[in-house]
Protein backbone atom coordinates (compact mmCIF):
# COMPACT_ATOMS: atom_id res chain seq x y z
CA MET A 1 0.03 0.02 0.02
CA ASN A 2 1.52 3.40 -1.27
CA THR A 3 0.45 6.09 1.43
CA LYS A 4 1.39 9.62 0.30
CA PRO A 5 1.61 12.20 3.15
CA LYS A 6 -1.22 14.71 2.61
CA THR A 7 0.09 18.42 2.19
CA ILE A 8 -1.87 21.57 2.90
CA ASN A 9 -1.52 24.69 1.27
CA LEU A 10 -1.48 27.35 3.96
CA ALA A 11 -0.67 30.13 1.15
CA PRO A 12 -3.41 32.88 1.28
CA SER A 13 -5.31 34.02 -1.46
CA TRP A 14 -4.32 37.16 -3.40
CA GLU A 15 -7.46 38.81 -1.94
CA GLY A 16 -6.24 37.86 1.65
CA VAL A 17 -3.01 38.94 0.83
CA ALA A 18 -4.47 42.51 -0.20
CA LYS A 19 -6.74 42.49 3.10
CA ILE A 20 -3.29 41.84 5.19
CA HIS A 21 -1.96 44.90 3.34
CA LEU A 22 -5.08 47.26 3.87
CA MET A 23 -4.93 46.39 8.01
CA LEU A 24 -1.12 47.07 7.46
CA LEU A 25 -1.70 50.51 6.14
CA GLU A 26 -4.60 51.33 8.35
CA ASN A 27 -3.18 50.29 11.63
CA GLY A 28 0.08 49.16 11.06
CA THR A 29 3.65 50.79 12.87
CA ASP A 30 5.64 53.18 10.43
CA GLU A 31 7.60 49.71 9.22
CA GLY A 32 4.11 47.43 8.32
CA LYS A 33 3.00 50.20 6.51
CA ALA A 34 6.23 50.49 4.28
CA ASP A 35 6.04 46.82 3.97
CA ALA A 36 2.60 46.65 2.96
CA ARG A 37 3.01 49.99 0.45
CA LYS A 38 6.30 47.63 -1.10
CA GLY A 39 3.78 44.56 -1.14
CA ILE A 40 0.83 46.08 -3.15
CA ILE A 41 3.64 47.57 -5.72
CA GLU A 42 5.05 43.86 -5.96
CA MET A 43 1.29 42.54 -6.60
CA GLY A 44 0.62 44.93 -9.51
CA LYS A 45 4.32 44.10 -10.91
CA LEU A 46 3.30 40.35 -10.85
CA LEU A 47 -0.15 40.91 -12.09
CA ASP A 48 1.80 43.16 -15.18
CA GLN A 49 3.64 39.70 -15.51
CA LEU A 50 0.66 37.75 -15.48
CA VAL A 51 -1.07 40.03 -18.18
CA ALA A 52 2.18 40.09 -20.49
CA GLU A 53 2.38 36.47 -20.39
CA ARG A 54 -1.33 35.72 -21.25
CA GLU A 55 -0.98 38.10 -24.17
CA GLY A 56 2.04 36.24 -25.22
CA ASP A 57 5.08 38.87 -24.55
CA SER A 58 6.96 36.63 -21.90
CA ASP A 59 10.21 35.78 -23.51
CA ARG A 60 11.77 37.82 -20.34
CA CYS A 61 10.93 38.18 -17.07
CA ILE A 62 9.73 41.74 -16.26
CA VAL A 63 9.46 41.08 -12.48
CA GLN A 64 12.59 41.95 -10.08
CA SER A 65 11.58 41.42 -6.82
CA GLU A 66 13.03 42.36 -3.74
CA ILE A 67 11.08 40.31 -1.44
CA ASP A 68 13.24 38.65 0.82
CA GLY A 69 16.47 39.95 -0.75
CA ARG A 70 15.78 37.15 -3.81
CA ARG A 71 15.42 38.30 -7.72
CA CYS A 72 14.04 36.49 -10.46
CA ILE A 73 16.18 34.79 -12.52
CA LYS A 74 13.98 32.78 -14.49
CA GLU A 75 13.95 34.12 -18.36
CA ARG A 76 11.27 32.17 -19.60
CA GLY A 77 8.10 30.44 -18.01
CA HIS A 78 5.18 31.00 -16.15
CA LEU A 79 4.63 33.27 -13.66
CA LEU A 80 3.92 31.02 -10.58
CA ALA A 81 7.46 29.12 -11.94
CA HIS A 82 9.92 31.61 -11.37
CA GLN A 83 13.25 30.55 -9.79
CA TRP A 84 14.72 32.61 -7.47
CA GLU A 85 18.40 33.70 -6.53
CA ALA A 86 19.79 35.35 -3.12
CA LYS A 87 20.69 38.92 -3.96
CA SER A 88 24.40 39.68 -3.78
């Protein structure tokens, strides 16, 4: 009998992430508000990338993420399949 361990995806939805960012903007510390602003801009960049990919303009990655000090290094492929490397 082959039993596979059950995994649970705990990643929030994009709507959930947006609500968290709004909460931080309304009630957060100065640092939390700054992080929320950066996060909202990052969400916009990811949506721009998705639109570009759906329109067939995905020859190169246009997202240069600063999240957790990483940047996108994948030149082709789907938005959710980006490869990341630590920023040097």
